[in-house]
Amino acid sequence: MHTAGWDHVTLVGSNAEDTIAFYRDVLGLRLVIRQPNLDRAEVEHLFFDAGDGRLVTFFVDESRESAERQDPGVGAVHHLAFRIEAADLPGIRDRLHEAGHGVTEYDRGAFHSLYTHDHNGLVIELAADKYEIPDDKRAEILARAQAARVDDGADYIDSEHLETALEELGLPVKPNALPDAVTGRDF
């Protein structure tokens, strides 16, 4: 079997007001469908465009309060990661701060990430590529960077491994302008 790509992931959310306030009003995801859940009419189904036409959806219920923390177990969602443009990173960081959301920033080796929490304590990662990477080559570039990392005996993919992968594929090595950040190991 070969999938054509990610269509959507559905999460159990709290209520519509808080979910829309975070995902639409803070993150800027477009709310594209708002309707009753087809399996349970008392639950509302919200569909947000993740930015590339693929969706993240929520089952919400007005009787649910938002939660401050999550304690995910096996099979649970640990975090959602959205790709952002490197040039947009400072503005997004400022927008999150202005909306009262704490932000942690890390160099993740293969990319640069901002981390925050949604209104239910779910970890949200906003990842910016360190280099210009064509969407249709993303998986191949990361696989080749992984091979270069293993060959180097390094613990994590770093810029040099991404550069090697881009060069192997005959792609330009164009770094994105990103701020310095600590290499984070835990969030």
C-alpha atoms as a PDB file:
ATOM      1  CA  MET A   1       0.000   0.000   0.000  1.00  0.00           C
ATOM      2  CA  HIS A   2       1.158   3.521  -0.724  1.00  0.00           C
ATOM      3  CA  THR A   3      -0.674   6.529   0.659  1.00  0.00           C
ATOM      4  CA  ALA A   4      -1.030   9.711  -1.332  1.00  0.00           C
ATOM      5  CA  GLY A   5      -0.353  11.863   1.751  1.00  0.00           C
ATOM      6  CA  TRP A   6      -1.836  13.006   5.022  1.00  0.00           C
ATOM      7  CA  ASP A   7      -5.531  13.841   4.676  1.00  0.00           C
ATOM      8  CA  HIS A   8      -6.402  14.749   8.261  1.00  0.00           C
ATOM      9  CA  VAL A   9      -5.901  13.833  11.879  1.00  0.00           C
ATOM     10  CA  THR A  10      -8.781  14.224  14.317  1.00  0.00           C
ATOM     11  CA  LEU A  11      -8.335  15.136  17.962  1.00  0.00           C
ATOM     12  CA  VAL A  12     -10.824  15.254  20.792  1.00  0.00           C
ATOM     13  CA  GLY A  13     -11.053  18.903  21.735  1.00  0.00           C
ATOM     14  CA  SER A  14     -12.760  20.772  24.509  1.00  0.00           C
ATOM     15  CA  ASN A  15     -15.301  23.298  23.224  1.00  0.00           C
ATOM     16  CA  ALA A  16     -15.678  25.147  19.918  1.00  0.00           C
ATOM     17  CA  GLU A  17     -15.036  28.647  21.283  1.00  0.00           C
ATOM     18  CA  ASP A  18     -11.641  27.843  22.843  1.00  0.00           C
ATOM     19  CA  THR A  19     -10.583  25.620  19.936  1.00  0.00           C
ATOM     20  CA  ILE A  20     -11.403  28.272  17.330  1.00  0.00           C
ATOM     21  CA  ALA A  21      -9.793  30.984  19.448  1.00  0.00           C
ATOM     22  CA  PHE A  22      -6.475  29.106  19.465  1.00  0.00           C
ATOM     23  CA  TYR A  23      -6.266  27.395  16.079  1.00  0.00           C
ATOM     24  CA  ARG A  24      -7.898  30.130  13.970  1.00  0.00           C
ATOM     25  CA  ASP A  25      -7.279  33.306  15.923  1.00  0.00           C
ATOM     26  CA  VAL A  26      -3.796  32.613  17.319  1.00  0.00           C
ATOM     27  CA  LEU A  27      -2.218  30.143  14.854  1.00  0.00           C
ATOM     28  CA  GLY A  28      -4.074  31.538  11.839  1.00  0.00           C
ATOM     29  CA  LEU A  29      -5.411  28.219  10.524  1.00  0.00           C
ATOM     30  CA  ARG A  30      -8.477  28.731   8.354  1.00  0.00           C
ATOM     31  CA  LEU A  31     -11.657  27.098   9.685  1.00  0.00           C
ATOM     32  CA  VAL A  32     -13.040  25.402   6.562  1.00  0.00           C
ATOM     33  CA  ILE A  33     -15.864  23.191   7.889  1.00  0.00           C
ATOM     34  CA  ARG A  34     -17.994  23.461  11.014  1.00  0.00           C
ATOM     35  CA  GLN A  35     -20.748  20.863  11.265  1.00  0.00           C
ATOM     36  CA  PRO A  36     -22.235  18.214  13.535  1.00  0.00           C
ATOM     37  CA  ASN A  37     -20.229  15.012  13.832  1.00  0.00           C
ATOM     38  CA  LEU A  38     -21.778  12.492  11.458  1.00  0.00           C
ATOM     39  CA  ASP A  39     -21.597   9.748  14.110  1.00  0.00           C
ATOM     40  CA  ARG A  40     -22.729  11.755  17.159  1.00  0.00           C
ATOM     41  CA  ALA A  41     -24.912  14.788  16.452  1.00  0.00           C
ATOM     42  CA  GLU A  42     -24.283  16.265  19.927  1.00  0.00           C
ATOM     43  CA  VAL A  43     -20.588  16.633  19.071  1.00  0.00           C
ATOM     44  CA  GLU A  44     -19.420  19.327  16.666  1.00  0.00           C
ATOM     45  CA  HIS A  45     -16.699  18.633  14.077  1.00  0.00           C
ATOM     46  CA  LEU A  46     -14.300  21.483  13.248  1.00  0.00           C
ATOM     47  CA  PHE A  47     -11.963  21.237  10.237  1.00  0.00           C
ATOM     48  CA  PHE A  48      -8.928  23.550   9.974  1.00  0.00           C
ATOM     49  CA  ASP A  49      -6.629  23.891   6.954  1.00  0.00           C
ATOM     50  CA  ALA A  50      -3.114  23.078   8.193  1.00  0.00           C
ATOM     51  CA  GLY A  51      -1.686  25.353   5.505  1.00  0.00           C
ATOM     52  CA  ASP A  52      -1.157  22.960   2.634  1.00  0.00           C
ATOM     53  CA  GLY A  53      -4.724  21.831   2.025  1.00  0.00           C
ATOM     54  CA  ARG A  54      -4.437  19.012   4.535  1.00  0.00           C
ATOM     55  CA  LEU A  55      -6.567  19.176   7.623  1.00  0.00           C
ATOM     56  CA  VAL A  56      -6.480  18.937  11.380  1.00  0.00           C
ATOM     57  CA  THR A  57      -9.933  18.372  12.842  1.00  0.00           C
ATOM     58  CA  PHE A  58     -11.471  18.402  16.308  1.00  0.00           C
ATOM     59  CA  PHE A  59     -14.490  16.787  17.886  1.00  0.00           C
ATOM     60  CA  VAL A  60     -15.730  19.425  20.341  1.00  0.00           C
ATOM     61  CA  ASP A  61     -18.600  19.604  22.783  1.00  0.00           C
ATOM     62  CA  GLU A  62     -19.827  22.748  24.528  1.00  0.00           C
ATOM     63  CA  SER A  63     -20.064  20.872  27.823  1.00  0.00           C
ATOM     64  CA  ARG A  64     -16.271  20.304  27.888  1.00  0.00           C
ATOM     65  CA  GLU A  65     -13.958  22.717  29.641  1.00  0.00           C
ATOM     66  CA  SER A  66     -10.462  23.328  28.289  1.00  0.00           C
ATOM     67  CA  ALA A  67      -7.691  21.635  30.253  1.00  0.00           C
ATOM     68  CA  GLU A  68      -4.359  23.135  31.274  1.00  0.00           C
ATOM     69  CA  ARG A  69      -2.303  19.953  30.994  1.00  0.00           C
ATOM     70  CA  GLN A  70      -2.132  16.664  29.204  1.00  0.00           C
ATOM     71  CA  ASP A  71      -0.543  13.413  30.233  1.00  0.00           C
ATOM     72  CA  PRO A  72      -0.427  11.405  26.999  1.00  0.00           C
ATOM     73  CA  GLY A  73      -0.035   7.665  27.199  1.00  0.00           C
ATOM     74  CA  VAL A  74       0.589   4.955  24.641  1.00  0.00           C
ATOM     75  CA  GLY A  75      -1.444   5.625  21.501  1.00  0.00           C
ATOM     76  CA  ALA A  76      -2.093   9.255  22.410  1.00  0.00           C
ATOM     77  CA  VAL A  77      -0.979  12.307  20.444  1.00  0.00           C
ATOM     78  CA  HIS A  78       2.215  13.782  21.900  1.00  0.00           C
ATOM     79  CA  HIS A  79       2.256  16.938  19.779  1.00  0.00           C
ATOM     80  CA  LEU A  80       1.180  18.513  16.514  1.00  0.00           C
ATOM     81  CA  ALA A  81       3.903  19.982  14.309  1.00  0.00           C
ATOM     82  CA  PHE A  82       3.090  22.585  11.686  1.00  0.00           C
ATOM     83  CA  ARG A  83       5.637  23.754   9.137  1.00  0.00           C
ATOM     84  CA  ILE A  84       6.141  27.521   8.993  1.00  0.00           C
ATOM     85  CA  GLU A  85       8.204  29.738   6.731  1.00  0.00           C
ATOM     86  CA  ALA A  86      11.519  30.717   8.312  1.00  0.00           C
ATOM     87  CA  ALA A  87      10.874  34.400   7.565  1.00  0.00           C
ATOM     88  CA  ASP A  88       7.598  34.230   9.516  1.00  0.00           C
ATOM     89  CA  LEU A  89       9.162  32.789  12.692  1.00  0.00           C
ATOM     90  CA  PRO A  90       9.769  36.100  14.569  1.00  0.00           C
ATOM     91  CA  GLY A  91       6.229  37.341  13.881  1.00  0.00           C
ATOM     92  CA  ILE A  92       4.706  34.032  14.949  1.00  0.00           C
ATOM     93  CA  ARG A  93       6.759  34.055  18.153  1.00  0.00           C
ATOM     94  CA  ASP A  94       5.542  37.599  18.900  1.00  0.00           C
ATOM     95  CA  ARG A  95       1.930  36.673  18.110  1.00  0.00           C
ATOM     96  CA  LEU A  96       2.030  33.738  20.530  1.00  0.00           C
ATOM     97  CA  HIS A  97       3.515  35.914  23.287  1.00  0.00           C
ATOM     98  CA  GLU A  98       0.889  38.621  22.692  1.00  0.00           C
ATOM     99  CA  ALA A  99      -1.853  35.982  22.978  1.00  0.00           C
ATOM    100  CA  GLY A 100      -0.437  34.881  26.358  1.00  0.00           C
ATOM    101  CA  HIS A 101       1.176  31.621  25.195  1.00  0.00           C
ATOM    102  CA  GLY A 102       4.654  30.772  26.424  1.00  0.00           C
ATOM    103  CA  VAL A 103       7.156  29.858  23.710  1.00  0.00           C
ATOM    104  CA  THR A 104      10.314  27.771  23.808  1.00  0.00           C
ATOM    105  CA  GLU A 105      12.696  27.880  20.851  1.00  0.00           C
ATOM    106  CA  TYR A 106      15.129  25.141  19.854  1.00  0.00           C
ATOM    107  CA  ASP A 107      17.527  24.186  17.117  1.00  0.00           C
ATOM    108  CA  ARG A 108      16.397  20.639  16.347  1.00  0.00           C
ATOM    109  CA  GLY A 109      19.257  19.806  14.016  1.00  0.00           C
ATOM    110  CA  ALA A 110      17.139  19.138  10.925  1.00  0.00           C
ATOM    111  CA  PHE A 111      14.971  22.232  11.514  1.00  0.00           C
ATOM    112  CA  HIS A 112      14.315  25.125  13.904  1.00  0.00           C
ATOM    113  CA  SER A 113      11.243  24.950  16.153  1.00  0.00           C
ATOM    114  CA  LEU A 114       9.023  27.041  18.354  1.00  0.00           C
ATOM    115  CA  TYR A 115       7.031  25.127  20.964  1.00  0.00           C
ATOM    116  CA  THR A 116       3.913  26.240  22.775  1.00  0.00           C
ATOM    117  CA  HIS A 117       0.729  24.668  24.172  1.00  0.00           C
ATOM    118  CA  ASP A 118      -2.821  24.963  22.934  1.00  0.00           C
ATOM    119  CA  HIS A 119      -5.796  25.689  25.203  1.00  0.00           C
ATOM    120  CA  ASN A 120      -5.902  22.004  26.254  1.00  0.00           C
ATOM    121  CA  GLY A 121      -2.245  21.603  27.100  1.00  0.00           C
ATOM    122  CA  LEU A 122      -1.386  19.864  23.802  1.00  0.00           C
ATOM    123  CA  VAL A 123       2.163  20.600  22.679  1.00  0.00           C
ATOM    124  CA  ILE A 124       2.238  22.549  19.412  1.00  0.00           C
ATOM    125  CA  GLU A 125       5.474  22.670  17.406  1.00  0.00           C
ATOM    126  CA  LEU A 126       6.015  25.247  14.675  1.00  0.00           C
ATOM    127  CA  ALA A 127       8.961  24.053  12.584  1.00  0.00           C
ATOM    128  CA  ALA A 128      10.959  26.091  10.076  1.00  0.00           C
ATOM    129  CA  ASP A 129      13.333  24.449   7.615  1.00  0.00           C
ATOM    130  CA  LYS A 130      16.993  25.394   7.954  1.00  0.00           C
ATOM    131  CA  TYR A 131      17.365  25.191   4.160  1.00  0.00           C
ATOM    132  CA  GLU A 132      15.061  25.650   1.209  1.00  0.00           C
ATOM    133  CA  ILE A 133      13.606  22.166   0.736  1.00  0.00           C
ATOM    134  CA  PRO A 134      11.173  21.348  -2.074  1.00  0.00           C
ATOM    135  CA  ASP A 135       8.043  19.636  -0.716  1.00  0.00           C
ATOM    136  CA  ASP A 136       8.289  16.773  -3.194  1.00  0.00           C
ATOM    137  CA  LYS A 137      11.855  16.032  -2.066  1.00  0.00           C
ATOM    138  CA  ARG A 138      11.371  16.431   1.713  1.00  0.00           C
ATOM    139  CA  ALA A 139      11.328  12.733   2.636  1.00  0.00           C
ATOM    140  CA  GLU A 140      14.249  11.919   0.326  1.00  0.00           C
ATOM    141  CA  ILE A 141      16.347  14.781   1.703  1.00  0.00           C
ATOM    142  CA  LEU A 142      15.669  13.710   5.292  1.00  0.00           C
ATOM    143  CA  ALA A 143      16.433  10.058   4.477  1.00  0.00           C
ATOM    144  CA  ARG A 144      19.753  11.044   2.901  1.00  0.00           C
ATOM    145  CA  ALA A 145      20.556  13.370   5.813  1.00  0.00           C
ATOM    146  CA  GLN A 146      19.867  10.426   8.139  1.00  0.00           C
ATOM    147  CA  ALA A 147      22.297   8.253   6.141  1.00  0.00           C
ATOM    148  CA  ALA A 148      24.956  11.003   6.327  1.00  0.00           C
ATOM    149  CA  ARG A 149      24.379  11.275  10.102  1.00  0.00           C
ATOM    150  CA  VAL A 150      24.836   7.516  10.535  1.00  0.00           C
ATOM    151  CA  ASP A 151      27.988   7.566   8.375  1.00  0.00           C
ATOM    152  CA  ASP A 152      29.377  10.375  10.584  1.00  0.00           C
ATOM    153  CA  GLY A 153      28.481   8.514  13.769  1.00  0.00           C
ATOM    154  CA  ALA A 154      26.604  11.618  14.935  1.00  0.00           C
ATOM    155  CA  ASP A 155      23.716  11.432  17.406  1.00  0.00           C
ATOM    156  CA  TYR A 156      21.459  13.839  15.484  1.00  0.00           C
ATOM    157  CA  ILE A 157      21.001  15.241  11.997  1.00  0.00           C
ATOM    158  CA  ASP A 158      22.668  18.633  11.712  1.00  0.00           C
ATOM    159  CA  SER A 159      23.180  21.270   9.030  1.00  0.00           C
ATOM    160  CA  GLU A 160      26.140  19.469   7.467  1.00  0.00           C
ATOM    161  CA  HIS A 161      23.992  16.359   6.939  1.00  0.00           C
ATOM    162  CA  LEU A 162      21.241  18.392   5.286  1.00  0.00           C
ATOM    163  CA  GLU A 163      23.819  20.075   3.042  1.00  0.00           C
ATOM    164  CA  THR A 164      25.189  16.655   2.039  1.00  0.00           C
ATOM    165  CA  ALA A 165      21.682  15.447   1.167  1.00  0.00           C
ATOM    166  CA  LEU A 166      20.882  18.533  -0.902  1.00  0.00           C
ATOM    167  CA  GLU A 167      24.189  18.262  -2.777  1.00  0.00           C
ATOM    168  CA  GLU A 168      23.660  14.531  -3.466  1.00  0.00           C
ATOM    169  CA  LEU A 169      20.311  15.338  -5.055  1.00  0.00           C
ATOM    170  CA  GLY A 170      21.777  18.192  -7.108  1.00  0.00           C
ATOM    171  CA  LEU A 171      19.669  20.764  -5.286  1.00  0.00           C
ATOM    172  CA  PRO A 172      20.868  24.237  -4.295  1.00  0.00           C
ATOM    173  CA  VAL A 173      22.097  24.645  -0.730  1.00  0.00           C
ATOM    174  CA  LYS A 174      20.199  27.773   0.319  1.00  0.00           C
ATOM    175  CA  PRO A 175      20.119  28.338   4.073  1.00  0.00           C
ATOM    176  CA  ASN A 176      17.170  30.162   5.576  1.00  0.00           C
ATOM    177  CA  ALA A 177      17.840  33.061   7.947  1.00  0.00           C
ATOM    178  CA  LEU A 178      17.055  31.741  11.423  1.00  0.00           C
ATOM    179  CA  PRO A 179      18.048  32.997  14.869  1.00  0.00           C
ATOM    180  CA  ASP A 180      20.513  31.108  17.007  1.00  0.00           C
ATOM    181  CA  ALA A 181      18.847  28.794  19.493  1.00  0.00           C
ATOM    182  CA  VAL A 182      19.929  26.165  21.950  1.00  0.00           C
ATOM    183  CA  THR A 183      19.779  22.544  20.909  1.00  0.00           C
ATOM    184  CA  GLY A 184      16.819  21.282  22.865  1.00  0.00           C
ATOM    185  CA  ARG A 185      16.432  17.723  23.994  1.00  0.00           C
ATOM    186  CA  ASP A 186      13.168  17.862  25.890  1.00  0.00           C
ATOM    187  CA  PHE A 187      10.015  19.916  25.871  1.00  0.00           C
END
